[in-house]
Amino acid sequence: MVKIRLQRHGKKHYPIYHIVVADSRSPRDGKIIKKIGIYNPNLIDNKVIINNIKDIKYWLSKGAKPTKTIKSILNKIL
């Protein structure tokens, strides 16, 4: 099963997350299929940077399941 989820990067106490498409069996920071965007919760404005909205719609149409956090982020954008 393919999921759209967050992959943690950044320093200690200053996380930056990559929004990625990955197999659900791979670990959180493991192998990914495609990087879709960036989510930075430390910023006040523009917390989400999406590379291509068409990629998100493509993966959702192919059956990728967004996690709970990603679903709430996408509801704010789309």
N, C-alpha and C. Protein backbone atom coordinates (compact mmCIF):
# COMPACT_ATOMS: atom_id res chain seq x y z
N MET A 1 0.84 -1.18 0.00
CA MET A 1 0.00 0.00 0.00
C MET A 1 0.89 1.25 0.00
N VAL A 2 0.51 2.22 -0.78
CA VAL A 2 1.27 3.47 -0.89
C VAL A 2 0.60 4.53 -0.03
N LYS A 3 1.42 5.29 0.69
CA LYS A 3 0.90 6.35 1.56
C LYS A 3 1.60 7.66 1.26
N ILE A 4 0.88 8.74 1.48
CA ILE A 4 1.47 10.09 1.46
C ILE A 4 1.65 10.46 2.91
N ARG A 5 2.90 10.71 3.30
CA ARG A 5 3.18 10.95 4.71
C ARG A 5 4.35 11.92 4.88
N LEU A 6 4.68 12.19 6.14
CA LEU A 6 5.77 13.12 6.47
C LEU A 6 7.05 12.35 6.74
N GLN A 7 8.17 12.93 6.33
CA GLN A 7 9.49 12.37 6.61
C GLN A 7 10.27 13.45 7.35
N ARG A 8 10.73 13.15 8.57
CA ARG A 8 11.34 14.16 9.43
C ARG A 8 12.78 14.46 9.02
N HIS A 9 13.10 15.74 8.98
CA HIS A 9 14.45 16.24 8.76
C HIS A 9 14.66 17.42 9.69
N GLY A 10 15.81 18.02 9.67
CA GLY A 10 16.07 19.20 10.48
C GLY A 10 16.85 18.87 11.74
N LYS A 11 17.04 19.92 12.54
CA LYS A 11 17.81 19.79 13.77
C LYS A 11 16.94 19.33 14.92
N LYS A 12 17.58 19.06 16.02
CA LYS A 12 16.90 18.72 17.26
C LYS A 12 16.07 19.92 17.70
N HIS A 13 14.81 19.72 18.03
CA HIS A 13 13.88 20.76 18.46
C HIS A 13 13.55 21.76 17.35
N TYR A 14 13.92 21.48 16.10
CA TYR A 14 13.60 22.34 14.96
C TYR A 14 13.32 21.45 13.75
N PRO A 15 12.21 20.73 13.78
CA PRO A 15 11.94 19.79 12.68
C PRO A 15 11.45 20.48 11.42
N ILE A 16 11.81 19.90 10.30
CA ILE A 16 11.29 20.26 8.99
C ILE A 16 10.89 18.93 8.36
N TYR A 17 9.70 18.88 7.82
CA TYR A 17 9.19 17.62 7.27
C TYR A 17 9.09 17.69 5.76
N HIS A 18 9.47 16.61 5.11
CA HIS A 18 9.26 16.47 3.68
C HIS A 18 7.97 15.69 3.49
N ILE A 19 7.12 16.14 2.58
CA ILE A 19 5.91 15.42 2.25
C ILE A 19 6.27 14.46 1.14
N VAL A 20 6.15 13.16 1.40
CA VAL A 20 6.63 12.15 0.47
C VAL A 20 5.57 11.09 0.19
N VAL A 21 5.76 10.41 -0.94
CA VAL A 21 4.97 9.23 -1.27
C VAL A 21 5.88 8.05 -1.00
N ALA A 22 5.43 7.13 -0.15
CA ALA A 22 6.27 5.99 0.24
C ALA A 22 5.42 4.75 0.45
N ASP A 23 6.07 3.61 0.39
CA ASP A 23 5.41 2.35 0.70
C ASP A 23 5.16 2.33 2.21
N SER A 24 4.00 1.83 2.61
CA SER A 24 3.65 1.85 4.03
C SER A 24 4.54 0.95 4.87
N ARG A 25 5.21 -0.02 4.24
CA ARG A 25 6.08 -0.94 4.99
C ARG A 25 7.46 -0.35 5.27
N SER A 26 7.84 0.70 4.56
CA SER A 26 9.17 1.29 4.78
C SER A 26 9.15 2.16 6.03
N PRO A 27 10.31 2.31 6.70
CA PRO A 27 10.35 3.13 7.92
C PRO A 27 10.11 4.61 7.62
N ARG A 28 9.86 5.39 8.67
CA ARG A 28 9.52 6.81 8.53
C ARG A 28 10.53 7.57 7.69
N ASP A 29 11.81 7.39 7.96
CA ASP A 29 12.84 8.11 7.22
C ASP A 29 13.54 7.21 6.22
N GLY A 30 12.86 6.18 5.76
CA GLY A 30 13.45 5.22 4.84
C GLY A 30 13.24 5.59 3.38
N LYS A 31 13.21 4.56 2.55
CA LYS A 31 13.11 4.73 1.11
C LYS A 31 11.77 5.34 0.72
N ILE A 32 11.82 6.27 -0.23
CA ILE A 32 10.61 6.93 -0.70
C ILE A 32 10.44 6.72 -2.20
N ILE A 33 9.22 6.94 -2.68
CA ILE A 33 8.95 6.88 -4.12
C ILE A 33 9.14 8.25 -4.74
N LYS A 34 8.57 9.29 -4.13
CA LYS A 34 8.68 10.64 -4.66
C LYS A 34 8.48 11.67 -3.56
N LYS A 35 9.26 12.75 -3.63
CA LYS A 35 9.10 13.87 -2.71
C LYS A 35 8.15 14.87 -3.35
N ILE A 36 7.10 15.23 -2.62
CA ILE A 36 6.06 16.11 -3.17
C ILE A 36 6.21 17.54 -2.67
N GLY A 37 6.61 17.72 -1.43
CA GLY A 37 6.69 19.07 -0.89
C GLY A 37 7.38 19.11 0.45
N ILE A 38 7.29 20.28 1.10
CA ILE A 38 7.94 20.51 2.39
C ILE A 38 6.92 21.14 3.33
N TYR A 39 6.95 20.71 4.60
CA TYR A 39 6.12 21.28 5.65
C TYR A 39 7.04 21.74 6.77
N ASN A 40 7.01 23.04 7.07
CA ASN A 40 7.85 23.60 8.12
C ASN A 40 6.95 24.20 9.20
N PRO A 41 6.70 23.50 10.29
CA PRO A 41 5.80 24.01 11.33
C PRO A 41 6.38 25.17 12.13
N ASN A 42 7.65 25.49 11.94
CA ASN A 42 8.28 26.56 12.71
C ASN A 42 8.01 27.94 12.14
N LEU A 43 7.56 28.02 10.90
CA LEU A 43 7.28 29.31 10.27
C LEU A 43 5.90 29.81 10.65
N ILE A 44 5.72 31.13 10.60
CA ILE A 44 4.42 31.72 10.88
C ILE A 44 3.56 31.71 9.61
N ASP A 45 4.14 32.12 8.49
CA ASP A 45 3.43 32.14 7.21
C ASP A 45 4.04 31.11 6.27
N ASN A 46 3.24 30.63 5.33
CA ASN A 46 3.69 29.69 4.30
C ASN A 46 4.40 28.47 4.91
N LYS A 47 3.68 27.74 5.73
CA LYS A 47 4.26 26.56 6.37
C LYS A 47 4.43 25.42 5.39
N VAL A 48 3.64 25.41 4.31
CA VAL A 48 3.68 24.31 3.35
C VAL A 48 4.15 24.81 2.00
N ILE A 49 5.12 24.11 1.42
CA ILE A 49 5.60 24.41 0.08
C ILE A 49 5.38 23.16 -0.75
N ILE A 50 4.51 23.26 -1.74
CA ILE A 50 4.20 22.14 -2.61
C ILE A 50 4.90 22.33 -3.94
N ASN A 51 5.64 21.32 -4.38
CA ASN A 51 6.34 21.40 -5.65
C ASN A 51 5.37 21.40 -6.82
N ASN A 52 4.38 20.50 -6.79
CA ASN A 52 3.46 20.37 -7.90
C ASN A 52 2.15 19.76 -7.37
N ILE A 53 1.07 20.52 -7.45
CA ILE A 53 -0.21 20.04 -6.97
C ILE A 53 -0.72 18.89 -7.84
N LYS A 54 -0.33 18.88 -9.10
CA LYS A 54 -0.73 17.79 -10.00
C LYS A 54 -0.19 16.45 -9.51
N ASP A 55 1.00 16.45 -8.92
CA ASP A 55 1.57 15.21 -8.37
C ASP A 55 0.72 14.66 -7.24
N ILE A 56 0.23 15.54 -6.37
CA ILE A 56 -0.61 15.10 -5.25
C ILE A 56 -1.90 14.50 -5.79
N LYS A 57 -2.53 15.19 -6.72
CA LYS A 57 -3.78 14.69 -7.29
C LYS A 57 -3.55 13.38 -8.04
N TYR A 58 -2.40 13.24 -8.71
CA TYR A 58 -2.08 12.01 -9.42
C TYR A 58 -1.98 10.84 -8.45
N TRP A 59 -1.23 11.01 -7.36
CA TRP A 59 -1.04 9.92 -6.41
C TRP A 59 -2.32 9.58 -5.67
N LEU A 60 -3.15 10.58 -5.39
CA LEU A 60 -4.43 10.30 -4.74
C LEU A 60 -5.35 9.53 -5.68
N SER A 61 -5.29 9.85 -6.98
CA SER A 61 -6.13 9.12 -7.94
C SER A 61 -5.65 7.69 -8.13
N LYS A 62 -4.36 7.44 -7.91
CA LYS A 62 -3.81 6.09 -8.03
C LYS A 62 -4.05 5.24 -6.78
N GLY A 63 -4.62 5.84 -5.73
CA GLY A 63 -4.98 5.07 -4.55
C GLY A 63 -4.07 5.27 -3.36
N ALA A 64 -3.18 6.26 -3.40
CA ALA A 64 -2.32 6.53 -2.24
C ALA A 64 -3.17 7.09 -1.10
N LYS A 65 -2.96 6.58 0.09
CA LYS A 65 -3.73 7.00 1.26
C LYS A 65 -2.94 8.04 2.04
N PRO A 66 -3.48 9.25 2.22
CA PRO A 66 -2.79 10.24 3.05
C PRO A 66 -2.96 9.92 4.53
N THR A 67 -1.94 10.22 5.32
CA THR A 67 -2.06 10.04 6.76
C THR A 67 -2.98 11.13 7.31
N LYS A 68 -3.31 11.02 8.57
CA LYS A 68 -4.22 11.97 9.22
C LYS A 68 -3.65 13.39 9.16
N THR A 69 -2.37 13.54 9.42
CA THR A 69 -1.73 14.85 9.40
C THR A 69 -1.71 15.43 8.00
N ILE A 70 -1.36 14.63 7.02
CA ILE A 70 -1.31 15.08 5.64
C ILE A 70 -2.70 15.47 5.16
N LYS A 71 -3.72 14.72 5.58
CA LYS A 71 -5.08 15.04 5.17
C LYS A 71 -5.49 16.42 5.67
N SER A 72 -5.12 16.75 6.91
CA SER A 72 -5.46 18.07 7.45
C SER A 72 -4.66 19.18 6.75
N ILE A 73 -3.40 18.91 6.39
CA ILE A 73 -2.59 19.88 5.66
C ILE A 73 -3.18 20.12 4.27
N LEU A 74 -3.56 19.05 3.58
CA LEU A 74 -4.11 19.18 2.24
C LEU A 74 -5.46 19.88 2.23
N ASN A 75 -6.26 19.68 3.27
CA ASN A 75 -7.54 20.38 3.35
C ASN A 75 -7.35 21.89 3.43
N LYS A 76 -6.28 22.35 4.04
CA LYS A 76 -6.01 23.78 4.13
C LYS A 76 -5.53 24.33 2.79
N ILE A 77 -4.85 23.51 2.00
CA ILE A 77 -4.28 23.97 0.73
C ILE A 77 -5.29 23.87 -0.40
N LEU A 78 -5.89 22.69 -0.55
CA LEU A 78 -6.75 22.43 -1.70
C LEU A 78 -8.16 22.92 -1.51
